[in-house]
Amino acid sequence: MAIGGGRSRANPIDTISAAQPFSLYLRRLPAAGRPCYAARMSLRLDRQPGHAVLTLAAPPRNLLEPSLLEALLAALAALAGGGAPPILLRAEGRHFSTGYPIAAIPEAIFHADPELRASALFERALAALWDYPAPVVAAIQGDAWGGAVELLCCADLRLAVSEARFAVPALRLGLIYSPSGIRRLQAAFGAPLTRELLLTGEPIGARRALRAGFLCRLVAPERLAATSAALMASLLEAAPAALRGTRRSLRLLEGAEPLAPALLAEIAAWRHAAWRSEDFREAQLAFLEKRPPRWRDC
């Protein structure tokens, strides 16, 4: 059976298709009796009345590993094909997510076109979340770093605890952000704060993120669940078709000015050079060895 479909008659393992590199595990929630799906226990999908809850469930870091991204793609496809309910995106543990795991980048990637690299899966997952038909609310209980910040940019409404911090330290890893990633950051944070995030790599606090418009609310940790539930309830009061149409209209207008091919080509050239540089390799080694990088391209 497909995720989000009818009941499983016998086997608790629900495999989406032979092409998928993981299985989805089905269990019953004892309280509400609604199905809950999980992929390698890194992402959990709970169906609630009127909406769905997606939980990053690989604490303490909730890394955006390939298995989690594949699970996210599958869950979004299943939800979109099953009525497209609004989504509450949350995480377990101390961090919301520390982003894409550097150790997961294979050696062969240093010789590959960056547009075809491993993070193409990351881009597909974010595009699926960005284009999801219904609103997405993100409840942020801890820090978000790197790719996790971009993931949050794909939500429509974001609320966080006041202790949460956000950072995009791509330059410290020898990377140049993709045009789509920069645009998502600019749409969520505004151009000035995006420049600070990308050029310095320094974290910003939740209060600055609130002032910039990235967050819609700050809440105490013990109020995060109740406040996010109330926000979801307010969305469910709207006419479903009008809600989806408004969400789609906002997305279309936010992305209505595509970059000229010449500008995209220039950005791609810079990214190619950075990806193949010795500094990029050095950044990965320094990160894994927990030391400052020794830059060579000065």
C-alpha atoms as a PDB file:
ATOM      1  CA  MET A   1       0.000   0.000   0.000  1.00  0.00           C
ATOM      2  CA  ALA A   2       1.179   3.532  -0.630  1.00  0.00           C
ATOM      3  CA  ILE A   3       1.958   5.799   2.276  1.00  0.00           C
ATOM      4  CA  GLY A   4      -1.184   7.584   3.394  1.00  0.00           C
ATOM      5  CA  GLY A   5      -3.451   5.016   1.734  1.00  0.00           C
ATOM      6  CA  GLY A   6      -5.752   2.426   3.244  1.00  0.00           C
ATOM      7  CA  ARG A   7      -5.014  -0.008   6.005  1.00  0.00           C
ATOM      8  CA  SER A   8      -2.205  -2.518   5.939  1.00  0.00           C
ATOM      9  CA  ARG A   9      -3.826  -5.962   6.071  1.00  0.00           C
ATOM     10  CA  ALA A  10      -0.941  -8.026   7.384  1.00  0.00           C
ATOM     11  CA  ASN A  11       2.594  -6.829   6.925  1.00  0.00           C
ATOM     12  CA  PRO A  12       3.581  -3.813   9.092  1.00  0.00           C
ATOM     13  CA  ILE A  13       6.333  -2.897   6.618  1.00  0.00           C
ATOM     14  CA  ASP A  14       5.070  -0.615   3.908  1.00  0.00           C
ATOM     15  CA  THR A  15       7.486  -0.314   0.977  1.00  0.00           C
ATOM     16  CA  ILE A  16       6.730   2.551  -1.380  1.00  0.00           C
ATOM     17  CA  SER A  17       8.284   0.995  -4.483  1.00  0.00           C
ATOM     18  CA  ALA A  18      11.200  -1.127  -5.562  1.00  0.00           C
ATOM     19  CA  ALA A  19      13.034   2.037  -6.599  1.00  0.00           C
ATOM     20  CA  GLN A  20      12.983   3.457  -3.084  1.00  0.00           C
ATOM     21  CA  PRO A  21      16.103   2.645  -1.010  1.00  0.00           C
ATOM     22  CA  PHE A  22      14.197   2.468   2.245  1.00  0.00           C
ATOM     23  CA  SER A  23      10.983   1.142   3.709  1.00  0.00           C
ATOM     24  CA  LEU A  24       8.324   2.906   5.698  1.00  0.00           C
ATOM     25  CA  TYR A  25       7.307   1.331   8.966  1.00  0.00           C
ATOM     26  CA  LEU A  26       3.674   1.486  10.023  1.00  0.00           C
ATOM     27  CA  ARG A  27       2.456   1.410  13.568  1.00  0.00           C
ATOM     28  CA  ARG A  28      -0.701   2.497  15.366  1.00  0.00           C
ATOM     29  CA  LEU A  29      -0.685   5.366  17.795  1.00  0.00           C
ATOM     30  CA  PRO A  30      -2.268   4.004  20.974  1.00  0.00           C
ATOM     31  CA  ALA A  31      -4.161   7.191  21.845  1.00  0.00           C
ATOM     32  CA  ALA A  32      -5.648   8.488  18.597  1.00  0.00           C
ATOM     33  CA  GLY A  33      -5.427   5.229  16.655  1.00  0.00           C
ATOM     34  CA  ARG A  34      -4.051   7.015  13.638  1.00  0.00           C
ATOM     35  CA  PRO A  35      -1.216   5.581  11.530  1.00  0.00           C
ATOM     36  CA  CYS A  36       2.333   6.757  12.018  1.00  0.00           C
ATOM     37  CA  TYR A  37       5.056   6.181   9.434  1.00  0.00           C
ATOM     38  CA  ALA A  38       8.803   6.325   9.917  1.00  0.00           C
ATOM     39  CA  ALA A  39      11.762   5.821   7.584  1.00  0.00           C
ATOM     40  CA  ARG A  40      14.788   4.361   9.327  1.00  0.00           C
ATOM     41  CA  MET A  41      13.426   6.160  12.384  1.00  0.00           C
ATOM     42  CA  SER A  42      14.898   9.443  11.098  1.00  0.00           C
ATOM     43  CA  LEU A  43      11.620  10.993   9.920  1.00  0.00           C
ATOM     44  CA  ARG A  44       8.186  10.345  11.374  1.00  0.00           C
ATOM     45  CA  LEU A  45       4.850  11.148   9.764  1.00  0.00           C
ATOM     46  CA  ASP A  46       1.820  11.329  12.048  1.00  0.00           C
ATOM     47  CA  ARG A  47      -1.645  11.964  10.661  1.00  0.00           C
ATOM     48  CA  GLN A  48      -3.783  14.175  12.865  1.00  0.00           C
ATOM     49  CA  PRO A  49      -7.346  15.410  12.272  1.00  0.00           C
ATOM     50  CA  GLY A  50      -7.097  17.911   9.424  1.00  0.00           C
ATOM     51  CA  HIS A  51      -3.305  18.059   9.222  1.00  0.00           C
ATOM     52  CA  ALA A  52      -0.084  16.041   9.253  1.00  0.00           C
ATOM     53  CA  VAL A  53       2.964  16.229  11.514  1.00  0.00           C
ATOM     54  CA  LEU A  54       6.459  15.597  10.124  1.00  0.00           C
ATOM     55  CA  THR A  55       9.078  15.080  12.831  1.00  0.00           C
ATOM     56  CA  LEU A  56      12.845  14.963  12.409  1.00  0.00           C
ATOM     57  CA  ALA A  57      13.462  12.044  14.753  1.00  0.00           C
ATOM     58  CA  ALA A  58      17.220  11.446  14.780  1.00  0.00           C
ATOM     59  CA  PRO A  59      18.395  13.419  17.819  1.00  0.00           C
ATOM     60  CA  PRO A  60      20.544  14.970  19.033  1.00  0.00           C
ATOM     61  CA  ARG A  61      21.621  16.462  15.676  1.00  0.00           C
ATOM     62  CA  ASN A  62      18.811  15.451  13.289  1.00  0.00           C
ATOM     63  CA  LEU A  63      21.255  15.461  10.383  1.00  0.00           C
ATOM     64  CA  LEU A  64      19.732  15.892   6.925  1.00  0.00           C
ATOM     65  CA  GLU A  65      21.185  12.606   5.742  1.00  0.00           C
ATOM     66  CA  PRO A  66      20.219  11.053   2.383  1.00  0.00           C
ATOM     67  CA  SER A  67      17.873   8.560   4.070  1.00  0.00           C
ATOM     68  CA  LEU A  68      15.980  11.373   5.796  1.00  0.00           C
ATOM     69  CA  LEU A  69      15.756  13.407   2.591  1.00  0.00           C
ATOM     70  CA  GLU A  70      14.439  10.378   0.674  1.00  0.00           C
ATOM     71  CA  ALA A  71      11.890   9.856   3.428  1.00  0.00           C
ATOM     72  CA  LEU A  72      10.856  13.508   3.248  1.00  0.00           C
ATOM     73  CA  LEU A  73      10.334  13.261  -0.516  1.00  0.00           C
ATOM     74  CA  ALA A  74       8.228  10.127  -0.102  1.00  0.00           C
ATOM     75  CA  ALA A  75       6.146  11.584   2.711  1.00  0.00           C
ATOM     76  CA  LEU A  76       5.441  14.806   0.815  1.00  0.00           C
ATOM     77  CA  ALA A  77       4.455  12.884  -2.312  1.00  0.00           C
ATOM     78  CA  ALA A  78       2.113  10.670  -0.305  1.00  0.00           C
ATOM     79  CA  LEU A  79       0.522  13.625   1.464  1.00  0.00           C
ATOM     80  CA  ALA A  80       0.156  15.621  -1.757  1.00  0.00           C
ATOM     81  CA  GLY A  81      -1.601  12.653  -3.345  1.00  0.00           C
ATOM     82  CA  GLY A  82      -3.823  12.105  -0.338  1.00  0.00           C
ATOM     83  CA  GLY A  83      -5.613  15.413   0.041  1.00  0.00           C
ATOM     84  CA  ALA A  84      -2.582  17.620   0.773  1.00  0.00           C
ATOM     85  CA  PRO A  85      -3.325  18.548   4.392  1.00  0.00           C
ATOM     86  CA  PRO A  86      -1.377  21.374   6.053  1.00  0.00           C
ATOM     87  CA  ILE A  87       1.863  20.199   7.664  1.00  0.00           C
ATOM     88  CA  LEU A  88       3.429  20.885  11.036  1.00  0.00           C
ATOM     89  CA  LEU A  89       7.209  20.409  10.758  1.00  0.00           C
ATOM     90  CA  ARG A  90       9.019  19.787  14.043  1.00  0.00           C
ATOM     91  CA  ALA A  91      12.046  18.002  15.496  1.00  0.00           C
ATOM     92  CA  GLU A  92      13.063  16.026  18.552  1.00  0.00           C
ATOM     93  CA  GLY A  93      16.034  16.659  20.798  1.00  0.00           C
ATOM     94  CA  ARG A  94      18.292  19.604  21.550  1.00  0.00           C
ATOM     95  CA  HIS A  95      18.794  20.817  17.956  1.00  0.00           C
ATOM     96  CA  PHE A  96      16.233  21.300  15.239  1.00  0.00           C
ATOM     97  CA  SER A  97      18.939  20.124  12.827  1.00  0.00           C
ATOM     98  CA  THR A  98      22.647  20.704  12.288  1.00  0.00           C
ATOM     99  CA  GLY A  99      22.205  20.422   8.523  1.00  0.00           C
ATOM    100  CA  TYR A 100      23.746  18.241   5.846  1.00  0.00           C
ATOM    101  CA  PRO A 101      26.457  15.860   7.159  1.00  0.00           C
ATOM    102  CA  ILE A 102      29.879  16.788   5.803  1.00  0.00           C
ATOM    103  CA  ALA A 103      31.090  13.223   6.303  1.00  0.00           C
ATOM    104  CA  ALA A 104      28.435  12.012   3.849  1.00  0.00           C
ATOM    105  CA  ILE A 105      30.092  13.794   0.904  1.00  0.00           C
ATOM    106  CA  PRO A 106      31.846  11.072  -1.157  1.00  0.00           C
ATOM    107  CA  GLU A 107      35.358  11.468  -2.564  1.00  0.00           C
ATOM    108  CA  ALA A 108      34.055  11.221  -6.133  1.00  0.00           C
ATOM    109  CA  ILE A 109      32.098  14.419  -5.658  1.00  0.00           C
ATOM    110  CA  PHE A 110      35.292  16.478  -5.831  1.00  0.00           C
ATOM    111  CA  HIS A 111      35.509  15.589  -9.527  1.00  0.00           C
ATOM    112  CA  ALA A 112      31.830  16.023 -10.335  1.00  0.00           C
ATOM    113  CA  ASP A 113      29.704  18.842 -11.637  1.00  0.00           C
ATOM    114  CA  PRO A 114      28.373  20.589  -8.509  1.00  0.00           C
ATOM    115  CA  GLU A 115      24.923  20.758 -10.074  1.00  0.00           C
ATOM    116  CA  LEU A 116      24.880  16.934 -10.170  1.00  0.00           C
ATOM    117  CA  ARG A 117      26.425  16.428  -6.745  1.00  0.00           C
ATOM    118  CA  ALA A 118      25.013  14.519  -3.784  1.00  0.00           C
ATOM    119  CA  SER A 119      23.096  17.554  -2.586  1.00  0.00           C
ATOM    120  CA  ALA A 120      20.902  17.338  -5.701  1.00  0.00           C
ATOM    121  CA  LEU A 121      18.786  15.112  -3.442  1.00  0.00           C
ATOM    122  CA  PHE A 122      18.721  17.948  -0.909  1.00  0.00           C
ATOM    123  CA  GLU A 123      17.533  20.376  -3.579  1.00  0.00           C
ATOM    124  CA  ARG A 124      14.776  18.000  -4.704  1.00  0.00           C
ATOM    125  CA  ALA A 125      13.561  17.592  -1.141  1.00  0.00           C
ATOM    126  CA  LEU A 126      13.476  21.346  -0.554  1.00  0.00           C
ATOM    127  CA  ALA A 127      11.737  21.973  -3.873  1.00  0.00           C
ATOM    128  CA  ALA A 128       9.077  19.425  -2.916  1.00  0.00           C
ATOM    129  CA  LEU A 129       8.500  21.176   0.406  1.00  0.00           C
ATOM    130  CA  TRP A 130       8.466  24.606  -1.258  1.00  0.00           C
ATOM    131  CA  ASP A 131       5.917  23.438  -3.854  1.00  0.00           C
ATOM    132  CA  TYR A 132       3.733  21.443  -1.454  1.00  0.00           C
ATOM    133  CA  PRO A 133       0.100  22.465  -2.090  1.00  0.00           C
ATOM    134  CA  ALA A 134      -0.850  23.402   1.503  1.00  0.00           C
ATOM    135  CA  PRO A 135       0.788  25.612   4.137  1.00  0.00           C
ATOM    136  CA  VAL A 136       3.679  24.316   6.236  1.00  0.00           C
ATOM    137  CA  VAL A 137       4.208  25.504   9.820  1.00  0.00           C
ATOM    138  CA  ALA A 138       7.634  24.943  11.430  1.00  0.00           C
ATOM    139  CA  ALA A 139       7.943  24.633  15.215  1.00  0.00           C
ATOM    140  CA  ILE A 140      11.620  25.195  16.066  1.00  0.00           C
ATOM    141  CA  GLN A 141      12.740  23.914  19.455  1.00  0.00           C
ATOM    142  CA  GLY A 142      16.500  24.407  19.000  1.00  0.00           C
ATOM    143  CA  ASP A 143      19.350  25.544  16.787  1.00  0.00           C
ATOM    144  CA  ALA A 144      19.291  25.161  12.992  1.00  0.00           C
ATOM    145  CA  TRP A 145      22.497  25.200  10.961  1.00  0.00           C
ATOM    146  CA  GLY A 146      23.364  25.231   7.281  1.00  0.00           C
ATOM    147  CA  GLY A 147      20.943  23.270   5.167  1.00  0.00           C
ATOM    148  CA  ALA A 148      18.463  23.108   8.032  1.00  0.00           C
ATOM    149  CA  VAL A 149      18.015  26.884   7.812  1.00  0.00           C
ATOM    150  CA  GLU A 150      17.246  26.550   4.117  1.00  0.00           C
ATOM    151  CA  LEU A 151      14.805  23.747   4.906  1.00  0.00           C
ATOM    152  CA  LEU A 152      13.015  26.086   7.310  1.00  0.00           C
ATOM    153  CA  CYS A 153      12.894  28.766   4.607  1.00  0.00           C
ATOM    154  CA  CYS A 154      10.494  26.472   2.738  1.00  0.00           C
ATOM    155  CA  ALA A 155       7.923  26.695   5.530  1.00  0.00           C
ATOM    156  CA  ASP A 156       5.239  29.360   5.400  1.00  0.00           C
ATOM    157  CA  LEU A 157       5.088  30.176   9.109  1.00  0.00           C
ATOM    158  CA  ARG A 158       7.892  29.638  11.613  1.00  0.00           C
ATOM    159  CA  LEU A 159       7.787  29.904  15.381  1.00  0.00           C
ATOM    160  CA  ALA A 160      10.683  29.191  17.706  1.00  0.00           C
ATOM    161  CA  VAL A 161      11.852  29.176  21.281  1.00  0.00           C
ATOM    162  CA  SER A 162      13.820  32.276  22.233  1.00  0.00           C
ATOM    163  CA  GLU A 163      17.021  30.257  22.730  1.00  0.00           C
ATOM    164  CA  ALA A 164      17.114  29.041  19.107  1.00  0.00           C
ATOM    165  CA  ARG A 165      19.939  30.196  16.834  1.00  0.00           C
ATOM    166  CA  PHE A 166      20.402  30.109  13.067  1.00  0.00           C
ATOM    167  CA  ALA A 167      23.643  29.978  11.071  1.00  0.00           C
ATOM    168  CA  VAL A 168      24.724  29.281   7.488  1.00  0.00           C
ATOM    169  CA  PRO A 169      28.522  28.695   7.663  1.00  0.00           C
ATOM    170  CA  ALA A 170      28.945  27.645   4.021  1.00  0.00           C
ATOM    171  CA  LEU A 171      32.017  29.830   3.421  1.00  0.00           C
ATOM    172  CA  ARG A 172      33.798  28.212   6.343  1.00  0.00           C
ATOM    173  CA  LEU A 173      33.371  24.909   4.524  1.00  0.00           C
ATOM    174  CA  GLY A 174      34.669  26.313   1.246  1.00  0.00           C
ATOM    175  CA  LEU A 175      31.246  26.309  -0.390  1.00  0.00           C
ATOM    176  CA  ILE A 176      29.299  28.851  -2.439  1.00  0.00           C
ATOM    177  CA  TYR A 177      25.559  28.674  -1.933  1.00  0.00           C
ATOM    178  CA  SER A 178      23.284  27.823  -4.852  1.00  0.00           C
ATOM    179  CA  PRO A 179      21.176  30.572  -6.476  1.00  0.00           C
ATOM    180  CA  SER A 180      17.997  28.820  -5.349  1.00  0.00           C
ATOM    181  CA  GLY A 181      19.326  28.616  -1.786  1.00  0.00           C
ATOM    182  CA  ILE A 182      20.310  32.283  -1.703  1.00  0.00           C
ATOM    183  CA  ARG A 183      16.903  33.278  -3.014  1.00  0.00           C
ATOM    184  CA  ARG A 184      15.167  31.225  -0.345  1.00  0.00           C
ATOM    185  CA  LEU A 185      17.276  32.886   2.347  1.00  0.00           C
ATOM    186  CA  GLN A 186      16.586  36.346   0.922  1.00  0.00           C
ATOM    187  CA  ALA A 187      12.850  35.682   0.788  1.00  0.00           C
ATOM    188  CA  ALA A 188      12.825  34.512   4.411  1.00  0.00           C
ATOM    189  CA  PHE A 189      15.392  36.826   6.064  1.00  0.00           C
ATOM    190  CA  GLY A 190      15.630  39.790   3.691  1.00  0.00           C
ATOM    191  CA  ALA A 191      18.681  40.726   1.633  1.00  0.00           C
ATOM    192  CA  PRO A 192      20.756  42.509   4.340  1.00  0.00           C
ATOM    193  CA  LEU A 193      20.535  39.729   6.923  1.00  0.00           C
ATOM    194  CA  THR A 194      21.140  37.099   4.231  1.00  0.00           C
ATOM    195  CA  ARG A 195      24.396  38.871   3.385  1.00  0.00           C
ATOM    196  CA  GLU A 196      25.420  38.744   7.040  1.00  0.00           C
ATOM    197  CA  LEU A 197      24.505  35.075   7.407  1.00  0.00           C
ATOM    198  CA  LEU A 198      26.407  34.008   4.299  1.00  0.00           C
ATOM    199  CA  LEU A 199      29.435  36.302   4.510  1.00  0.00           C
ATOM    200  CA  THR A 200      30.182  35.892   8.217  1.00  0.00           C
ATOM    201  CA  GLY A 201      28.815  32.442   8.986  1.00  0.00           C
ATOM    202  CA  GLU A 202      28.013  33.714  12.469  1.00  0.00           C
ATOM    203  CA  PRO A 203      24.793  32.577  14.172  1.00  0.00           C
ATOM    204  CA  ILE A 204      21.944  34.978  14.796  1.00  0.00           C
ATOM    205  CA  GLY A 205      19.531  34.692  17.695  1.00  0.00           C
ATOM    206  CA  ALA A 206      15.817  34.091  17.547  1.00  0.00           C
ATOM    207  CA  ARG A 207      14.999  37.703  18.426  1.00  0.00           C
ATOM    208  CA  ARG A 208      16.903  39.019  15.403  1.00  0.00           C
ATOM    209  CA  ALA A 209      15.216  36.384  13.266  1.00  0.00           C
ATOM    210  CA  LEU A 210      11.848  37.578  14.574  1.00  0.00           C
ATOM    211  CA  ARG A 211      12.646  41.225  13.772  1.00  0.00           C
ATOM    212  CA  ALA A 212      13.741  40.215  10.274  1.00  0.00           C
ATOM    213  CA  GLY A 213      10.437  38.444   9.658  1.00  0.00           C
ATOM    214  CA  PHE A 214      11.935  34.951   9.461  1.00  0.00           C
ATOM    215  CA  LEU A 215       9.968  33.985  12.579  1.00  0.00           C
ATOM    216  CA  CYS A 216       6.360  34.902  13.220  1.00  0.00           C
ATOM    217  CA  ARG A 217       6.435  34.209  16.964  1.00  0.00           C
ATOM    218  CA  LEU A 218       8.762  33.524  19.885  1.00  0.00           C
ATOM    219  CA  VAL A 219       7.498  31.241  22.622  1.00  0.00           C
ATOM    220  CA  ALA A 220       8.729  29.649  25.822  1.00  0.00           C
ATOM    221  CA  PRO A 221       9.860  26.035  25.356  1.00  0.00           C
ATOM    222  CA  GLU A 222       6.960  24.705  27.403  1.00  0.00           C
ATOM    223  CA  ARG A 223       4.504  26.628  25.170  1.00  0.00           C
ATOM    224  CA  LEU A 224       5.889  25.604  21.782  1.00  0.00           C
ATOM    225  CA  ALA A 225       3.628  22.572  21.292  1.00  0.00           C
ATOM    226  CA  ALA A 226       0.454  24.372  22.366  1.00  0.00           C
ATOM    227  CA  THR A 227       1.208  27.501  20.340  1.00  0.00           C
ATOM    228  CA  SER A 228       2.028  25.563  17.181  1.00  0.00           C
ATOM    229  CA  ALA A 229      -1.164  23.516  17.627  1.00  0.00           C
ATOM    230  CA  ALA A 230      -3.185  26.727  17.946  1.00  0.00           C
ATOM    231  CA  LEU A 231      -1.563  28.110  14.803  1.00  0.00           C
ATOM    232  CA  MET A 232      -2.431  24.939  12.905  1.00  0.00           C
ATOM    233  CA  ALA A 233      -6.004  25.175  14.194  1.00  0.00           C
ATOM    234  CA  SER A 234      -6.309  28.708  12.819  1.00  0.00           C
ATOM    235  CA  LEU A 235      -5.241  27.468   9.381  1.00  0.00           C
ATOM    236  CA  LEU A 236      -7.857  24.726   9.480  1.00  0.00           C
ATOM    237  CA  GLU A 237     -10.602  27.327   9.939  1.00  0.00           C
ATOM    238  CA  ALA A 238     -10.025  28.516   6.347  1.00  0.00           C
ATOM    239  CA  ALA A 239     -11.749  27.081   3.286  1.00  0.00           C
ATOM    240  CA  PRO A 240      -9.340  24.336   2.099  1.00  0.00           C
ATOM    241  CA  ALA A 241      -9.370  25.280  -1.585  1.00  0.00           C
ATOM    242  CA  ALA A 242      -8.875  28.968  -0.801  1.00  0.00           C
ATOM    243  CA  LEU A 243      -6.045  28.103   1.591  1.00  0.00           C
ATOM    244  CA  ARG A 244      -4.225  26.053  -1.050  1.00  0.00           C
ATOM    245  CA  GLY A 245      -4.863  28.683  -3.717  1.00  0.00           C
ATOM    246  CA  THR A 246      -3.494  31.472  -1.541  1.00  0.00           C
ATOM    247  CA  ARG A 247      -0.427  29.432  -0.663  1.00  0.00           C
ATOM    248  CA  ARG A 248       0.224  28.699  -4.340  1.00  0.00           C
ATOM    249  CA  SER A 249      -0.285  32.358  -5.295  1.00  0.00           C
ATOM    250  CA  LEU A 250       2.277  33.438  -2.702  1.00  0.00           C
ATOM    251  CA  ARG A 251       4.801  30.924  -4.029  1.00  0.00           C
ATOM    252  CA  LEU A 252       4.320  31.978  -7.644  1.00  0.00           C
ATOM    253  CA  LEU A 253       4.704  35.663  -6.828  1.00  0.00           C
ATOM    254  CA  GLU A 254       7.771  35.071  -4.647  1.00  0.00           C
ATOM    255  CA  GLY A 255       9.539  33.335  -7.533  1.00  0.00           C
ATOM    256  CA  ALA A 256       8.273  35.510 -10.380  1.00  0.00           C
ATOM    257  CA  GLU A 257      11.644  37.036 -11.343  1.00  0.00           C
ATOM    258  CA  PRO A 258      13.988  34.311 -12.641  1.00  0.00           C
ATOM    259  CA  LEU A 259      17.649  35.187 -13.116  1.00  0.00           C
ATOM    260  CA  ALA A 260      18.946  35.729 -16.630  1.00  0.00           C
ATOM    261  CA  PRO A 261      20.870  32.750 -18.103  1.00  0.00           C
ATOM    262  CA  ALA A 262      24.099  34.774 -18.219  1.00  0.00           C
ATOM    263  CA  LEU A 263      23.906  35.514 -14.493  1.00  0.00           C
ATOM    264  CA  LEU A 264      23.154  31.882 -13.680  1.00  0.00           C
ATOM    265  CA  ALA A 265      26.156  30.833 -15.772  1.00  0.00           C
ATOM    266  CA  GLU A 266      28.441  33.239 -13.906  1.00  0.00           C
ATOM    267  CA  ILE A 267      27.270  31.946 -10.527  1.00  0.00           C
ATOM    268  CA  ALA A 268      27.717  28.364 -11.727  1.00  0.00           C
ATOM    269  CA  ALA A 269      31.304  29.114 -12.770  1.00  0.00           C
ATOM    270  CA  TRP A 270      32.128  30.438  -9.305  1.00  0.00           C
ATOM    271  CA  ARG A 271      30.520  27.414  -7.692  1.00  0.00           C
ATOM    272  CA  HIS A 272      32.406  25.000  -9.965  1.00  0.00           C
ATOM    273  CA  ALA A 273      35.698  26.633  -9.039  1.00  0.00           C
ATOM    274  CA  ALA A 274      34.958  26.522  -5.313  1.00  0.00           C
ATOM    275  CA  TRP A 275      33.766  22.924  -5.426  1.00  0.00           C
ATOM    276  CA  ARG A 276      36.921  21.715  -7.161  1.00  0.00           C
ATOM    277  CA  SER A 277      39.333  23.810  -5.120  1.00  0.00           C
ATOM    278  CA  GLU A 278      41.890  22.578  -2.606  1.00  0.00           C
ATOM    279  CA  ASP A 279      40.268  24.881  -0.072  1.00  0.00           C
ATOM    280  CA  PHE A 280      37.058  22.869  -0.252  1.00  0.00           C
ATOM    281  CA  ARG A 281      38.925  19.633   0.504  1.00  0.00           C
ATOM    282  CA  GLU A 282      40.794  21.375   3.312  1.00  0.00           C
ATOM    283  CA  ALA A 283      37.518  22.631   4.787  1.00  0.00           C
ATOM    284  CA  GLN A 284      36.130  19.097   4.959  1.00  0.00           C
ATOM    285  CA  LEU A 285      39.284  17.780   6.630  1.00  0.00           C
ATOM    286  CA  ALA A 286      39.388  20.650   9.105  1.00  0.00           C
ATOM    287  CA  PHE A 287      35.759  20.092  10.016  1.00  0.00           C
ATOM    288  CA  LEU A 288      36.249  16.374  10.611  1.00  0.00           C
ATOM    289  CA  GLU A 289      39.505  16.958  12.521  1.00  0.00           C
ATOM    290  CA  LYS A 290      37.924  19.773  14.583  1.00  0.00           C
ATOM    291  CA  ARG A 291      40.596  22.374  13.761  1.00  0.00           C
ATOM    292  CA  PRO A 292      40.701  25.718  11.926  1.00  0.00           C
ATOM    293  CA  PRO A 293      41.132  25.356   8.147  1.00  0.00           C
ATOM    294  CA  ARG A 294      44.423  26.337   6.526  1.00  0.00           C
ATOM    295  CA  TRP A 295      43.320  28.156   3.380  1.00  0.00           C
ATOM    296  CA  ARG A 296      45.597  27.920   0.340  1.00  0.00           C
ATOM    297  CA  ASP A 297      43.802  30.057  -2.231  1.00  0.00           C
ATOM    298  CA  CYS A 298      44.751  33.460  -0.771  1.00  0.00           C
END
